[in-house]
Amino acid sequence: MYKLKYYSLENSEKEKLKQDFYQTEYGKNIKMRLDRLFVIGILGIIFSIILLIINKNIWDLVTSITLFLASIFFIIASFKVRIKKLNDYLIKNRKKNNK
């Protein structure tokens, strides 16, 4: 298990790392997918709140709570995967630069 080197960087270094990673083809693809996952999570939260407001029966309540929890999971997962991919990119680049 490797350490999370991303958290040990300063803010300016994190921004430079993000810019470098998102300029690669793989980084563009990952960013698009993770942004889509984040937007789906936000839309799920909005829809679950609307379902909660127009609650007609118990199944609307169960559906809205389940959708809300799944949407929160999507948002958290998108941030975790983003940090994991940035950390992998950072570790691979350091190995290339040290050789």
C-alpha atoms as a PDB file:
ATOM      1  CA  MET A   1       0.000   0.000   0.000  1.00  0.00           C
ATOM      2  CA  TYR A   2       1.502   3.297  -1.030  1.00  0.00           C
ATOM      3  CA  LYS A   3       1.106   6.590   0.775  1.00  0.00           C
ATOM      4  CA  LEU A   4      -1.178   9.315  -0.493  1.00  0.00           C
ATOM      5  CA  LYS A   5       1.376  11.790  -1.741  1.00  0.00           C
ATOM      6  CA  TYR A   6      -1.347  14.084  -3.091  1.00  0.00           C
ATOM      7  CA  TYR A   7      -2.271  15.258   0.403  1.00  0.00           C
ATOM      8  CA  SER A   8       1.312  16.213   1.195  1.00  0.00           C
ATOM      9  CA  LEU A   9       1.485  18.723  -1.680  1.00  0.00           C
ATOM     10  CA  GLU A  10       0.915  22.446  -1.321  1.00  0.00           C
ATOM     11  CA  ASN A  11      -2.055  24.086  -3.045  1.00  0.00           C
ATOM     12  CA  SER A  12      -0.004  25.493  -5.919  1.00  0.00           C
ATOM     13  CA  GLU A  13       1.568  22.086  -6.554  1.00  0.00           C
ATOM     14  CA  LYS A  14      -1.874  20.445  -6.497  1.00  0.00           C
ATOM     15  CA  GLU A  15      -3.163  22.895  -9.104  1.00  0.00           C
ATOM     16  CA  LYS A  16      -0.130  22.270 -11.334  1.00  0.00           C
ATOM     17  CA  LEU A  17      -0.586  18.518 -10.960  1.00  0.00           C
ATOM     18  CA  LYS A  18      -4.260  18.793 -11.924  1.00  0.00           C
ATOM     19  CA  GLN A  19      -3.408  20.893 -14.976  1.00  0.00           C
ATOM     20  CA  ASP A  20      -0.724  18.446 -16.084  1.00  0.00           C
ATOM     21  CA  PHE A  21      -2.947  15.410 -15.550  1.00  0.00           C
ATOM     22  CA  TYR A  22      -6.004  16.873 -17.272  1.00  0.00           C
ATOM     23  CA  GLN A  23      -3.950  17.759 -20.354  1.00  0.00           C
ATOM     24  CA  THR A  24      -3.246  14.097 -21.038  1.00  0.00           C
ATOM     25  CA  GLU A  25      -5.760  12.092 -23.075  1.00  0.00           C
ATOM     26  CA  TYR A  26      -6.394   9.741 -20.152  1.00  0.00           C
ATOM     27  CA  GLY A  27      -6.874  12.694 -17.810  1.00  0.00           C
ATOM     28  CA  LYS A  28      -9.424  14.325 -20.111  1.00  0.00           C
ATOM     29  CA  ASN A  29     -11.366  11.079 -20.307  1.00  0.00           C
ATOM     30  CA  ILE A  30     -11.316  10.549 -16.532  1.00  0.00           C
ATOM     31  CA  LYS A  31     -12.311  14.165 -15.844  1.00  0.00           C
ATOM     32  CA  MET A  32     -15.285  13.906 -18.187  1.00  0.00           C
ATOM     33  CA  ARG A  33     -16.472  10.677 -16.551  1.00  0.00           C
ATOM     34  CA  LEU A  34     -16.016  11.942 -12.995  1.00  0.00           C
ATOM     35  CA  ASP A  35     -17.765  15.229 -13.775  1.00  0.00           C
ATOM     36  CA  ARG A  36     -20.661  13.242 -15.220  1.00  0.00           C
ATOM     37  CA  LEU A  37     -20.800  11.125 -12.060  1.00  0.00           C
ATOM     38  CA  PHE A  38     -20.841  14.287  -9.920  1.00  0.00           C
ATOM     39  CA  VAL A  39     -23.664  15.832 -11.970  1.00  0.00           C
ATOM     40  CA  ILE A  40     -25.692  12.613 -11.739  1.00  0.00           C
ATOM     41  CA  GLY A  41     -25.240  12.729  -7.958  1.00  0.00           C
ATOM     42  CA  ILE A  42     -26.448  16.344  -7.767  1.00  0.00           C
ATOM     43  CA  LEU A  43     -29.459  15.606  -9.982  1.00  0.00           C
ATOM     44  CA  GLY A  44     -30.254  12.566  -7.837  1.00  0.00           C
ATOM     45  CA  ILE A  45     -30.218  14.684  -4.685  1.00  0.00           C
ATOM     46  CA  ILE A  46     -32.512  17.269  -6.277  1.00  0.00           C
ATOM     47  CA  PHE A  47     -34.911  14.589  -7.509  1.00  0.00           C
ATOM     48  CA  SER A  48     -34.949  12.847  -4.117  1.00  0.00           C
ATOM     49  CA  ILE A  49     -35.796  16.133  -2.374  1.00  0.00           C
ATOM     50  CA  ILE A  50     -38.635  16.699  -4.841  1.00  0.00           C
ATOM     51  CA  LEU A  51     -39.896  13.168  -4.176  1.00  0.00           C
ATOM     52  CA  LEU A  52     -39.701  13.820  -0.456  1.00  0.00           C
ATOM     53  CA  ILE A  53     -41.747  17.006  -0.800  1.00  0.00           C
ATOM     54  CA  ILE A  54     -44.505  15.413  -2.882  1.00  0.00           C
ATOM     55  CA  ASN A  55     -44.568  12.327  -0.688  1.00  0.00           C
ATOM     56  CA  LYS A  56     -47.805  10.418  -1.470  1.00  0.00           C
ATOM     57  CA  ASN A  57     -47.138   7.081   0.171  1.00  0.00           C
ATOM     58  CA  ILE A  58     -44.486   5.130   2.041  1.00  0.00           C
ATOM     59  CA  TRP A  59     -42.806   3.909  -1.167  1.00  0.00           C
ATOM     60  CA  ASP A  60     -42.118   7.490  -2.264  1.00  0.00           C
ATOM     61  CA  LEU A  61     -40.401   8.020   1.065  1.00  0.00           C
ATOM     62  CA  VAL A  62     -38.333   4.829   0.749  1.00  0.00           C
ATOM     63  CA  THR A  63     -37.412   5.660  -2.857  1.00  0.00           C
ATOM     64  CA  SER A  64     -36.399   9.224  -2.027  1.00  0.00           C
ATOM     65  CA  ILE A  65     -34.209   8.160   0.910  1.00  0.00           C
ATOM     66  CA  THR A  66     -32.554   5.407  -1.144  1.00  0.00           C
ATOM     67  CA  LEU A  67     -31.946   7.774  -4.044  1.00  0.00           C
ATOM     68  CA  PHE A  68     -30.541  10.412  -1.691  1.00  0.00           C
ATOM     69  CA  LEU A  69     -28.078   7.947  -0.151  1.00  0.00           C
ATOM     70  CA  ALA A  70     -27.007   6.620  -3.556  1.00  0.00           C
ATOM     71  CA  SER A  71     -26.472  10.174  -4.807  1.00  0.00           C
ATOM     72  CA  ILE A  72     -24.322  11.043  -1.803  1.00  0.00           C
ATOM     73  CA  PHE A  73     -22.312   7.868  -2.485  1.00  0.00           C
ATOM     74  CA  PHE A  74     -21.832   8.930  -6.144  1.00  0.00           C
ATOM     75  CA  ILE A  75     -20.526  12.355  -5.130  1.00  0.00           C
ATOM     76  CA  ILE A  76     -18.133  10.996  -2.507  1.00  0.00           C
ATOM     77  CA  ALA A  77     -16.914   8.266  -4.857  1.00  0.00           C
ATOM     78  CA  SER A  78     -16.218  10.776  -7.622  1.00  0.00           C
ATOM     79  CA  PHE A  79     -13.973  12.797  -5.300  1.00  0.00           C
ATOM     80  CA  LYS A  80     -12.179   9.698  -3.984  1.00  0.00           C
ATOM     81  CA  VAL A  81     -11.529   8.319  -7.460  1.00  0.00           C
ATOM     82  CA  ARG A  82     -10.321  11.733  -8.641  1.00  0.00           C
ATOM     83  CA  ILE A  83      -7.766  11.899  -5.808  1.00  0.00           C
ATOM     84  CA  LYS A  84      -6.715   8.282  -6.406  1.00  0.00           C
ATOM     85  CA  LYS A  85      -6.080   8.928 -10.110  1.00  0.00           C
ATOM     86  CA  LEU A  86      -4.158  12.136  -9.368  1.00  0.00           C
ATOM     87  CA  ASN A  87      -2.075  10.277  -6.807  1.00  0.00           C
ATOM     88  CA  ASP A  88      -1.314   7.474  -9.285  1.00  0.00           C
ATOM     89  CA  TYR A  89      -0.280  10.038 -11.889  1.00  0.00           C
ATOM     90  CA  LEU A  90       1.943  11.793  -9.345  1.00  0.00           C
ATOM     91  CA  ILE A  91       3.670   8.556  -8.320  1.00  0.00           C
ATOM     92  CA  LYS A  92       4.262   7.474 -11.936  1.00  0.00           C
ATOM     93  CA  ASN A  93       5.683  10.868 -12.883  1.00  0.00           C
ATOM     94  CA  ARG A  94       8.057  10.927  -9.924  1.00  0.00           C
ATOM     95  CA  LYS A  95       9.370   7.495 -10.881  1.00  0.00           C
ATOM     96  CA  LYS A  96       9.960   8.658 -14.470  1.00  0.00           C
ATOM     97  CA  ASN A  97      11.695  11.843 -13.339  1.00  0.00           C
ATOM     98  CA  ASN A  98      13.997  10.006 -10.925  1.00  0.00           C
ATOM     99  CA  LYS A  99      15.325   7.587 -13.587  1.00  0.00           C
END
